[in-house]
Amino acid sequence: MPDALGLDVSQDQLDACLVGNGVHRRFIKDAAGLRALCRWAPEQDGAIVVFEASGAHHRGLERALAHRGLTFAKVNPRPARRFAEAIGQVAKTDRVEAAGFARMGRALQLEPTAGGPEPLSERQDLPVYRRGLAIVWRRRPGSRPRG
C-alpha cells in the first residue's frame, strides 16, 4: 500500500504526518518553510501529499508542490471531516488532522490532483475573494446594504 503524507494547513504553519512510520514535522508557512517541506517530502519514498482545500491558505502550498513536481491530492473539507469521524477521530488539533489526512490518503488511495496553470488557479479564486469583500463591506459601520 503506498504511503501518504498528511498536511494540515493553517495560516502560519504546516503540520506534516507520514502515516507509515508516524513521523511528525512542523514547518513555518513562509518561503523558507515551503522550500524545507518540498525538500523533505520527496525523501518519504514517493508518498502522496494530502491536504485539505482551505480557502486561500492552501494556495501557496499547492503552487510550491506543483512547481517542484510533487504528487499531491487536495481533498474537500466535508469528505475529509466525514472520514475523520468514520475512523473515530474526534480531536481537532493540527497534528491529529495531519495524521487523519495521511490515513485518508493511504486508505482511499487518492488520485493525484492535477495542478492547473497558475493564472487559471488565481482566476478561480476571484469569486471567493469577492464574496469575502462583500461580507466585510456589509459589516462596515455606516454602510448600506445592497439589494
N, C-alpha and C. Protein backbone atom coordinates (compact mmCIF):
# COMPACT_ATOMS: atom_id res chain seq x y z
N MET A 1 0.85 -1.17 0.00
CA MET A 1 0.00 0.00 0.00
C MET A 1 0.90 1.24 0.00
N PRO A 2 0.69 2.18 -0.92
CA PRO A 2 1.53 3.37 -0.97
C PRO A 2 1.32 4.25 0.26
N ASP A 3 2.39 4.93 0.64
CA ASP A 3 2.34 5.77 1.82
C ASP A 3 1.75 7.12 1.48
N ALA A 4 1.30 7.85 2.51
CA ALA A 4 0.73 9.17 2.32
C ALA A 4 1.27 10.11 3.39
N LEU A 5 1.49 11.33 2.98
CA LEU A 5 1.98 12.38 3.86
C LEU A 5 0.84 13.38 4.03
N GLY A 6 0.28 13.46 5.24
CA GLY A 6 -0.83 14.37 5.50
C GLY A 6 -0.31 15.72 5.95
N LEU A 7 -0.93 16.78 5.46
CA LEU A 7 -0.56 18.14 5.84
C LEU A 7 -1.79 18.89 6.33
N ASP A 8 -1.69 19.45 7.53
CA ASP A 8 -2.73 20.35 8.00
C ASP A 8 -2.23 21.77 7.73
N VAL A 9 -2.97 22.52 6.96
CA VAL A 9 -2.57 23.86 6.55
C VAL A 9 -3.30 24.88 7.41
N SER A 10 -2.53 25.69 8.11
CA SER A 10 -3.14 26.79 8.86
C SER A 10 -2.55 28.09 8.35
N GLN A 11 -2.92 29.17 8.98
CA GLN A 11 -2.49 30.48 8.48
C GLN A 11 -0.97 30.65 8.58
N ASP A 12 -0.36 30.14 9.66
CA ASP A 12 1.05 30.40 9.89
C ASP A 12 1.96 29.19 9.77
N GLN A 13 1.40 27.99 9.77
CA GLN A 13 2.25 26.81 9.78
C GLN A 13 1.63 25.64 9.04
N LEU A 14 2.48 24.65 8.78
CA LEU A 14 2.07 23.40 8.15
C LEU A 14 2.49 22.26 9.07
N ASP A 15 1.54 21.44 9.47
CA ASP A 15 1.85 20.26 10.26
C ASP A 15 1.82 19.06 9.34
N ALA A 16 2.89 18.28 9.36
CA ALA A 16 3.02 17.13 8.46
C ALA A 16 3.07 15.84 9.25
N CYS A 17 2.44 14.80 8.72
CA CYS A 17 2.48 13.48 9.35
C CYS A 17 2.61 12.43 8.25
N LEU A 18 3.58 11.57 8.40
CA LEU A 18 3.74 10.44 7.50
C LEU A 18 3.12 9.23 8.18
N VAL A 19 2.08 8.69 7.60
CA VAL A 19 1.29 7.66 8.26
C VAL A 19 2.07 6.36 8.45
N GLY A 20 2.95 6.02 7.54
CA GLY A 20 3.67 4.74 7.62
C GLY A 20 4.51 4.59 8.87
N ASN A 21 5.27 5.62 9.23
CA ASN A 21 6.13 5.50 10.41
C ASN A 21 5.78 6.50 11.50
N GLY A 22 4.71 7.26 11.33
CA GLY A 22 4.26 8.18 12.37
C GLY A 22 5.13 9.40 12.58
N VAL A 23 5.96 9.75 11.62
CA VAL A 23 6.83 10.91 11.74
C VAL A 23 5.99 12.17 11.64
N HIS A 24 6.19 13.08 12.59
CA HIS A 24 5.51 14.39 12.58
C HIS A 24 6.55 15.48 12.46
N ARG A 25 6.26 16.46 11.60
CA ARG A 25 7.13 17.64 11.46
C ARG A 25 6.26 18.86 11.33
N ARG A 26 6.79 20.00 11.74
CA ARG A 26 6.08 21.27 11.61
C ARG A 26 6.97 22.23 10.82
N PHE A 27 6.34 22.91 9.86
CA PHE A 27 7.04 23.88 9.02
C PHE A 27 6.32 25.23 9.14
N ILE A 28 7.09 26.28 9.21
CA ILE A 28 6.52 27.62 9.18
C ILE A 28 6.04 27.87 7.75
N LYS A 29 4.88 28.49 7.61
CA LYS A 29 4.32 28.69 6.27
C LYS A 29 4.83 30.01 5.68
N ASP A 30 6.09 29.99 5.30
CA ASP A 30 6.69 31.10 4.57
C ASP A 30 7.53 30.49 3.46
N ALA A 31 8.24 31.30 2.71
CA ALA A 31 9.00 30.79 1.56
C ALA A 31 10.03 29.75 2.01
N ALA A 32 10.75 30.03 3.09
CA ALA A 32 11.77 29.09 3.58
C ALA A 32 11.13 27.79 4.07
N GLY A 33 10.01 27.89 4.75
CA GLY A 33 9.32 26.71 5.25
C GLY A 33 8.78 25.83 4.13
N LEU A 34 8.24 26.47 3.08
CA LEU A 34 7.75 25.70 1.93
C LEU A 34 8.90 25.01 1.21
N ARG A 35 10.05 25.69 1.10
CA ARG A 35 11.23 25.05 0.47
C ARG A 35 11.68 23.85 1.31
N ALA A 36 11.70 24.01 2.64
CA ALA A 36 12.11 22.91 3.51
C ALA A 36 11.15 21.73 3.38
N LEU A 37 9.86 22.00 3.33
CA LEU A 37 8.88 20.93 3.15
C LEU A 37 9.09 20.23 1.82
N CYS A 38 9.28 21.00 0.76
CA CYS A 38 9.46 20.42 -0.58
C CYS A 38 10.76 19.64 -0.70
N ARG A 39 11.76 19.94 0.12
CA ARG A 39 12.99 19.14 0.15
C ARG A 39 12.78 17.86 0.96
N TRP A 40 12.00 17.95 2.03
CA TRP A 40 11.78 16.82 2.92
C TRP A 40 10.78 15.80 2.34
N ALA A 41 9.73 16.26 1.70
CA ALA A 41 8.66 15.38 1.21
C ALA A 41 9.16 14.29 0.26
N PRO A 42 10.02 14.58 -0.73
CA PRO A 42 10.46 13.51 -1.63
C PRO A 42 11.28 12.43 -0.94
N GLU A 43 11.85 12.75 0.21
CA GLU A 43 12.62 11.75 0.95
C GLU A 43 11.72 10.69 1.56
N GLN A 44 10.42 10.88 1.51
CA GLN A 44 9.48 9.97 2.16
C GLN A 44 8.99 8.89 1.20
N ASP A 45 9.86 8.40 0.35
CA ASP A 45 9.60 7.28 -0.55
C ASP A 45 8.38 7.47 -1.45
N GLY A 46 8.26 8.63 -2.07
CA GLY A 46 7.21 8.87 -3.05
C GLY A 46 5.81 8.93 -2.48
N ALA A 47 5.68 9.27 -1.21
CA ALA A 47 4.36 9.36 -0.60
C ALA A 47 3.57 10.50 -1.24
N ILE A 48 2.29 10.27 -1.45
CA ILE A 48 1.43 11.34 -1.96
C ILE A 48 1.15 12.31 -0.82
N VAL A 49 1.18 13.59 -1.11
CA VAL A 49 0.92 14.63 -0.11
C VAL A 49 -0.58 14.92 -0.14
N VAL A 50 -1.24 14.81 1.01
CA VAL A 50 -2.69 15.01 1.11
C VAL A 50 -2.96 16.19 2.02
N PHE A 51 -3.75 17.15 1.52
CA PHE A 51 -4.12 18.30 2.35
C PHE A 51 -5.52 18.74 1.99
N GLU A 52 -6.11 19.52 2.88
CA GLU A 52 -7.47 19.99 2.71
C GLU A 52 -7.48 21.33 1.99
N ALA A 53 -8.42 21.49 1.07
CA ALA A 53 -8.60 22.77 0.39
C ALA A 53 -9.17 23.74 1.42
N SER A 54 -8.37 24.71 1.82
CA SER A 54 -8.76 25.59 2.92
C SER A 54 -8.76 27.05 2.50
N GLY A 55 -9.59 27.39 1.55
CA GLY A 55 -9.66 28.78 1.10
C GLY A 55 -8.34 29.23 0.52
N ALA A 56 -7.90 30.39 0.91
CA ALA A 56 -6.65 30.94 0.38
C ALA A 56 -5.42 30.37 1.07
N HIS A 57 -5.59 29.71 2.22
CA HIS A 57 -4.45 29.23 2.98
C HIS A 57 -3.62 28.17 2.25
N HIS A 58 -4.24 27.36 1.43
CA HIS A 58 -3.52 26.26 0.79
C HIS A 58 -2.90 26.63 -0.56
N ARG A 59 -3.20 27.80 -1.10
CA ARG A 59 -2.74 28.15 -2.45
C ARG A 59 -1.22 28.19 -2.60
N GLY A 60 -0.54 28.81 -1.64
CA GLY A 60 0.93 28.86 -1.71
C GLY A 60 1.54 27.47 -1.66
N LEU A 61 0.99 26.62 -0.80
CA LEU A 61 1.46 25.24 -0.70
C LEU A 61 1.23 24.51 -2.01
N GLU A 62 0.06 24.66 -2.58
CA GLU A 62 -0.27 23.98 -3.83
C GLU A 62 0.68 24.40 -4.95
N ARG A 63 0.96 25.70 -5.04
CA ARG A 63 1.89 26.19 -6.07
C ARG A 63 3.29 25.64 -5.86
N ALA A 64 3.75 25.61 -4.59
CA ALA A 64 5.09 25.10 -4.30
C ALA A 64 5.21 23.62 -4.65
N LEU A 65 4.21 22.82 -4.30
CA LEU A 65 4.24 21.39 -4.61
C LEU A 65 4.22 21.15 -6.12
N ALA A 66 3.35 21.88 -6.83
CA ALA A 66 3.27 21.73 -8.29
C ALA A 66 4.56 22.16 -8.96
N HIS A 67 5.15 23.25 -8.46
CA HIS A 67 6.40 23.76 -9.03
C HIS A 67 7.53 22.74 -8.89
N ARG A 68 7.55 22.04 -7.76
CA ARG A 68 8.59 21.01 -7.51
C ARG A 68 8.25 19.67 -8.14
N GLY A 69 7.07 19.54 -8.73
CA GLY A 69 6.68 18.28 -9.36
C GLY A 69 6.30 17.19 -8.37
N LEU A 70 5.88 17.57 -7.17
CA LEU A 70 5.49 16.59 -6.16
C LEU A 70 4.04 16.17 -6.36
N THR A 71 3.75 14.92 -6.07
CA THR A 71 2.41 14.38 -6.22
C THR A 71 1.58 14.76 -5.01
N PHE A 72 0.41 15.35 -5.25
CA PHE A 72 -0.45 15.74 -4.13
C PHE A 72 -1.91 15.52 -4.47
N ALA A 73 -2.70 15.38 -3.40
CA ALA A 73 -4.15 15.25 -3.52
C ALA A 73 -4.77 16.29 -2.61
N LYS A 74 -5.56 17.17 -3.21
CA LYS A 74 -6.27 18.20 -2.47
C LYS A 74 -7.68 17.67 -2.22
N VAL A 75 -8.05 17.55 -0.94
CA VAL A 75 -9.36 16.98 -0.60
C VAL A 75 -10.30 18.07 -0.11
N ASN A 76 -11.57 17.88 -0.35
CA ASN A 76 -12.58 18.82 0.11
C ASN A 76 -12.81 18.64 1.62
N PRO A 77 -13.12 19.72 2.32
CA PRO A 77 -13.28 19.64 3.78
C PRO A 77 -14.37 18.68 4.25
N ARG A 78 -15.52 18.65 3.59
CA ARG A 78 -16.62 17.81 4.07
C ARG A 78 -16.26 16.32 4.05
N PRO A 79 -15.79 15.76 2.92
CA PRO A 79 -15.41 14.34 2.94
C PRO A 79 -14.25 14.06 3.91
N ALA A 80 -13.35 15.01 4.05
CA ALA A 80 -12.23 14.81 4.98
C ALA A 80 -12.75 14.72 6.41
N ARG A 81 -13.69 15.58 6.76
CA ARG A 81 -14.27 15.54 8.12
C ARG A 81 -15.05 14.26 8.33
N ARG A 82 -15.79 13.84 7.31
CA ARG A 82 -16.56 12.59 7.44
C ARG A 82 -15.65 11.38 7.59
N PHE A 83 -14.52 11.38 6.87
CA PHE A 83 -13.57 10.29 7.01
C PHE A 83 -13.02 10.28 8.44
N ALA A 84 -12.68 11.45 8.96
CA ALA A 84 -12.15 11.54 10.33
C ALA A 84 -13.17 11.01 11.34
N GLU A 85 -14.42 11.36 11.16
CA GLU A 85 -15.46 10.86 12.06
C GLU A 85 -15.61 9.35 11.94
N ALA A 86 -15.50 8.84 10.71
CA ALA A 86 -15.65 7.40 10.49
C ALA A 86 -14.54 6.59 11.16
N ILE A 87 -13.35 7.16 11.28
CA ILE A 87 -12.25 6.42 11.93
C ILE A 87 -12.17 6.75 13.42
N GLY A 88 -13.16 7.51 13.91
CA GLY A 88 -13.22 7.82 15.34
C GLY A 88 -12.31 8.95 15.78
N GLN A 89 -11.91 9.79 14.85
CA GLN A 89 -11.03 10.91 15.17
C GLN A 89 -11.91 12.09 15.59
N VAL A 90 -11.95 12.36 16.89
CA VAL A 90 -12.79 13.45 17.38
C VAL A 90 -11.99 14.70 17.71
N ALA A 91 -10.74 14.54 18.06
CA ALA A 91 -9.90 15.70 18.35
C ALA A 91 -9.64 16.47 17.06
N LYS A 92 -9.44 17.77 17.20
CA LYS A 92 -9.26 18.59 16.01
C LYS A 92 -8.01 19.46 16.15
N THR A 93 -6.90 18.86 16.59
CA THR A 93 -5.65 19.61 16.65
C THR A 93 -4.95 19.50 15.30
N ASP A 94 -4.01 20.39 15.05
CA ASP A 94 -3.30 20.39 13.76
C ASP A 94 -2.59 19.06 13.53
N ARG A 95 -1.95 18.56 14.56
CA ARG A 95 -1.20 17.30 14.44
C ARG A 95 -2.13 16.12 14.15
N VAL A 96 -3.26 16.08 14.84
CA VAL A 96 -4.23 14.99 14.65
C VAL A 96 -4.85 15.07 13.25
N GLU A 97 -5.17 16.28 12.80
CA GLU A 97 -5.75 16.42 11.46
C GLU A 97 -4.75 16.01 10.38
N ALA A 98 -3.47 16.34 10.55
CA ALA A 98 -2.46 15.92 9.58
C ALA A 98 -2.41 14.40 9.50
N ALA A 99 -2.46 13.75 10.66
CA ALA A 99 -2.45 12.28 10.68
C ALA A 99 -3.71 11.73 10.00
N GLY A 100 -4.86 12.40 10.20
CA GLY A 100 -6.10 11.96 9.56
C GLY A 100 -6.04 12.08 8.05
N PHE A 101 -5.45 13.17 7.55
CA PHE A 101 -5.31 13.33 6.09
C PHE A 101 -4.40 12.24 5.52
N ALA A 102 -3.33 11.92 6.26
CA ALA A 102 -2.42 10.87 5.81
C ALA A 102 -3.13 9.52 5.78
N ARG A 103 -3.90 9.23 6.82
CA ARG A 103 -4.64 7.96 6.85
C ARG A 103 -5.68 7.90 5.73
N MET A 104 -6.31 9.05 5.45
CA MET A 104 -7.30 9.11 4.37
C MET A 104 -6.63 8.83 3.03
N GLY A 105 -5.48 9.45 2.80
CA GLY A 105 -4.76 9.25 1.55
C GLY A 105 -4.34 7.81 1.35
N ARG A 106 -3.91 7.18 2.43
CA ARG A 106 -3.45 5.79 2.34
C ARG A 106 -4.62 4.82 2.18
N ALA A 107 -5.67 5.01 2.98
CA ALA A 107 -6.81 4.08 2.95
C ALA A 107 -7.59 4.16 1.64
N LEU A 108 -7.79 5.38 1.15
CA LEU A 108 -8.60 5.56 -0.05
C LEU A 108 -7.78 5.58 -1.34
N GLN A 109 -6.45 5.51 -1.21
CA GLN A 109 -5.55 5.57 -2.35
C GLN A 109 -5.99 6.68 -3.31
N LEU A 110 -5.97 7.89 -2.79
CA LEU A 110 -6.46 9.06 -3.52
C LEU A 110 -5.69 9.29 -4.81
N GLU A 111 -6.41 9.74 -5.82
CA GLU A 111 -5.80 10.10 -7.09
C GLU A 111 -5.14 11.47 -6.96
N PRO A 112 -3.99 11.66 -7.58
CA PRO A 112 -3.34 12.98 -7.52
C PRO A 112 -4.19 14.06 -8.16
N THR A 113 -4.13 15.25 -7.58
CA THR A 113 -4.81 16.41 -8.13
C THR A 113 -3.95 16.98 -9.24
N ALA A 114 -4.56 17.29 -10.36
CA ALA A 114 -3.81 17.88 -11.45
C ALA A 114 -3.58 19.35 -11.15
N GLY A 115 -2.34 19.77 -11.18
CA GLY A 115 -2.02 21.18 -10.97
C GLY A 115 -2.30 21.97 -12.23
N GLY A 116 -3.20 22.93 -12.14
CA GLY A 116 -3.55 23.74 -13.29
C GLY A 116 -2.59 24.90 -13.45
N PRO A 117 -2.70 25.62 -14.55
CA PRO A 117 -1.86 26.79 -14.73
C PRO A 117 -2.16 27.84 -13.66
N GLU A 118 -1.12 28.50 -13.19
CA GLU A 118 -1.26 29.45 -12.10
C GLU A 118 -2.27 30.57 -12.38
N PRO A 119 -2.28 31.20 -13.56
CA PRO A 119 -3.27 32.25 -13.79
C PRO A 119 -4.71 31.74 -13.68
N LEU A 120 -4.96 30.52 -14.16
CA LEU A 120 -6.30 29.95 -14.06
C LEU A 120 -6.66 29.74 -12.59
N SER A 121 -5.73 29.22 -11.82
CA SER A 121 -5.96 28.98 -10.40
C SER A 121 -6.30 30.29 -9.69
N GLU A 122 -5.56 31.35 -9.99
CA GLU A 122 -5.83 32.64 -9.36
C GLU A 122 -7.17 33.19 -9.80
N ARG A 123 -7.54 33.00 -11.06
CA ARG A 123 -8.81 33.49 -11.56
C ARG A 123 -9.98 32.76 -10.89
N GLN A 124 -9.79 31.48 -10.59
CA GLN A 124 -10.85 30.72 -9.92
C GLN A 124 -11.06 31.21 -8.49
N ASP A 125 -10.05 31.83 -7.89
CA ASP A 125 -10.17 32.35 -6.53
C ASP A 125 -10.90 33.68 -6.47
N LEU A 126 -11.01 34.39 -7.57
CA LEU A 126 -11.59 35.73 -7.55
C LEU A 126 -13.01 35.78 -6.97
N PRO A 127 -13.91 34.86 -7.33
CA PRO A 127 -15.25 34.93 -6.71
C PRO A 127 -15.21 34.75 -5.19
N VAL A 128 -14.30 33.92 -4.70
CA VAL A 128 -14.16 33.72 -3.26
C VAL A 128 -13.73 35.03 -2.59
N TYR A 129 -12.74 35.69 -3.17
CA TYR A 129 -12.27 36.95 -2.62
C TYR A 129 -13.37 38.01 -2.68
N ARG A 130 -14.12 38.01 -3.78
CA ARG A 130 -15.20 39.00 -3.94
C ARG A 130 -16.27 38.81 -2.87
N ARG A 131 -16.65 37.55 -2.61
CA ARG A 131 -17.65 37.29 -1.55
C ARG A 131 -17.12 37.75 -0.20
N GLY A 132 -15.83 37.51 0.06
CA GLY A 132 -15.24 37.96 1.32
C GLY A 132 -15.28 39.46 1.46
N LEU A 133 -14.99 40.17 0.38
CA LEU A 133 -15.04 41.63 0.42
C LEU A 133 -16.47 42.12 0.63
N ALA A 134 -17.43 41.46 0.02
CA ALA A 134 -18.83 41.86 0.19
C ALA A 134 -19.26 41.70 1.64
N ILE A 135 -18.82 40.65 2.29
CA ILE A 135 -19.16 40.43 3.70
C ILE A 135 -18.54 41.53 4.56
N VAL A 136 -17.28 41.83 4.31
CA VAL A 136 -16.60 42.88 5.07
C VAL A 136 -17.30 44.22 4.84
N TRP A 137 -17.68 44.51 3.60
CA TRP A 137 -18.31 45.78 3.28
C TRP A 137 -19.64 45.93 4.02
N ARG A 138 -20.42 44.84 4.08
CA ARG A 138 -21.72 44.89 4.76
C ARG A 138 -21.56 45.13 6.26
N ARG A 139 -20.44 44.72 6.84
CA ARG A 139 -20.24 44.87 8.28
C ARG A 139 -19.66 46.22 8.67
N ARG A 140 -19.26 47.01 7.69
CA ARG A 140 -18.69 48.32 8.00
C ARG A 140 -19.75 49.24 8.56
N PRO A 141 -19.40 50.02 9.61
CA PRO A 141 -20.37 50.98 10.16
C PRO A 141 -20.75 52.00 9.10
N GLY A 142 -22.00 52.29 8.99
CA GLY A 142 -22.48 53.29 8.06
C GLY A 142 -22.67 52.80 6.65
N SER A 143 -22.34 51.54 6.37
CA SER A 143 -22.52 51.04 5.01
C SER A 143 -23.98 50.67 4.82
N ARG A 144 -24.46 50.83 3.64
CA ARG A 144 -25.85 50.48 3.38
C ARG A 144 -25.90 49.14 2.66
N PRO A 145 -26.87 48.32 2.98
CA PRO A 145 -26.95 47.00 2.34
C PRO A 145 -27.31 47.15 0.86
N ARG A 146 -26.76 46.24 0.08
CA ARG A 146 -27.08 46.21 -1.34
C ARG A 146 -28.23 45.24 -1.55
N GLY A 147 -29.09 45.55 -2.41
CA GLY A 147 -30.23 44.68 -2.59
C GLY A 147 -30.54 44.47 -3.96
